[in-house]
């Protein structure tokens, strides 16, 4: 039996991320496929400070998946990333 992969998703709740789409990411749990839903934890975190980078206008909202930064995140993009990791 394969050991389940656990995912820790941290959603940036800084102002820019929140207004640029981060607010809708908090409904992510509802869009997860059944086969991975129980292995995902989701939490909001304070601003990650990525807003000061040169390409900041093209990266909101941001999330961390097990510490890996996902820029311009959407529920679809996050689910796709999770499913790619479960196929390893």
Protein backbone atom coordinates (compact mmCIF):
# COMPACT_ATOMS: atom_id res chain seq x y z
CA UNK A 1 0.00 0.00 0.00
CA UNK A 2 1.32 3.43 -0.96
CA UNK A 3 1.84 5.96 1.82
CA UNK A 4 -0.58 8.91 1.38
CA UNK A 5 0.94 12.27 0.52
CA UNK A 6 -0.06 15.08 2.84
CA UNK A 7 -0.30 18.65 1.61
CA UNK A 8 -0.14 21.80 3.69
CA UNK A 9 -1.58 24.73 1.78
CA UNK A 10 -0.97 28.21 3.15
CA UNK A 11 -2.88 31.05 1.52
CA UNK A 12 -1.38 34.53 1.75
CA UNK A 13 -3.88 36.86 3.38
CA UNK A 14 -1.96 40.04 2.66
CA UNK A 15 -4.03 42.86 1.19
CA UNK A 16 -2.87 42.53 -2.42
CA UNK A 17 -3.19 38.75 -2.51
CA UNK A 18 -6.59 38.88 -0.85
CA UNK A 19 -8.09 41.42 -3.24
CA UNK A 20 -6.41 39.91 -6.31
CA UNK A 21 -8.16 36.56 -5.85
CA UNK A 22 -6.93 35.12 -2.58
CA UNK A 23 -10.36 35.51 -1.00
CA UNK A 24 -11.78 32.89 -3.37
CA UNK A 25 -8.99 30.44 -2.52
CA UNK A 26 -10.48 29.88 0.92
CA UNK A 27 -13.19 27.75 -0.76
CA UNK A 28 -10.51 25.39 -2.11
CA UNK A 29 -11.51 22.47 0.14
CA UNK A 30 -14.89 22.36 -1.62
CA UNK A 31 -13.25 21.91 -5.04
CA UNK A 32 -10.74 19.21 -4.13
CA UNK A 33 -11.17 15.77 -5.68
CA UNK A 34 -12.33 13.16 -3.18
CA UNK A 35 -9.12 11.12 -3.50
CA UNK A 36 -6.96 13.90 -2.04
CA UNK A 37 -9.41 15.90 0.07
CA UNK A 38 -8.50 14.14 3.33
CA UNK A 39 -4.77 14.68 2.84
CA UNK A 40 -4.96 18.48 2.46
CA UNK A 41 -4.86 21.10 5.21
CA UNK A 42 -5.58 24.73 4.35
CA UNK A 43 -4.76 27.81 6.40
CA UNK A 44 -4.44 31.54 5.93
CA UNK A 45 -1.10 33.16 6.72
CA UNK A 46 0.07 36.77 7.02
CA UNK A 47 1.59 38.51 4.01
CA UNK A 48 4.56 36.57 2.64
CA UNK A 49 6.30 39.78 1.58
CA UNK A 50 6.40 38.93 -2.11
CA UNK A 51 4.74 42.22 -3.04
CA UNK A 52 8.09 44.02 -3.07
CA UNK A 53 9.59 41.90 -5.83
CA UNK A 54 10.03 43.36 -9.36
CA UNK A 55 7.35 41.13 -10.94
CA UNK A 56 4.91 41.54 -8.03
CA UNK A 57 2.02 42.74 -10.19
CA UNK A 58 1.90 39.38 -11.97
CA UNK A 59 2.06 37.03 -9.00
CA UNK A 60 -0.98 37.67 -6.82
CA UNK A 61 -2.45 35.72 -5.14
CA UNK A 62 0.31 33.55 -3.71
CA UNK A 63 0.11 30.28 -1.81
CA UNK A 64 2.57 27.83 -0.37
CA UNK A 65 2.14 24.12 -0.98
CA UNK A 66 4.41 22.28 1.44
CA UNK A 67 6.65 25.35 1.39
CA UNK A 68 6.75 25.73 -2.41
CA UNK A 69 5.55 29.12 -3.68
CA UNK A 70 2.74 29.09 -6.24
CA UNK A 71 2.25 32.50 -7.83
CA UNK A 72 -0.93 33.72 -9.52
CA UNK A 73 -2.76 30.93 -7.74
CA UNK A 74 -6.30 29.77 -8.49
CA UNK A 75 -8.28 26.82 -7.20
CA UNK A 76 -7.77 25.08 -10.55
CA UNK A 77 -4.01 25.69 -10.55
CA UNK A 78 -3.66 24.42 -6.98
CA UNK A 79 -5.68 21.25 -7.65
CA UNK A 80 -3.61 20.58 -10.77
CA UNK A 81 -0.39 20.98 -8.76
CA UNK A 82 -1.66 18.62 -6.05
CA UNK A 83 -2.69 15.96 -8.57
CA UNK A 84 0.74 16.18 -10.26
CA UNK A 85 2.41 15.49 -6.90
CA UNK A 86 0.19 12.49 -6.14
CA UNK A 87 1.26 10.79 -9.38
CA UNK A 88 4.91 10.61 -8.28
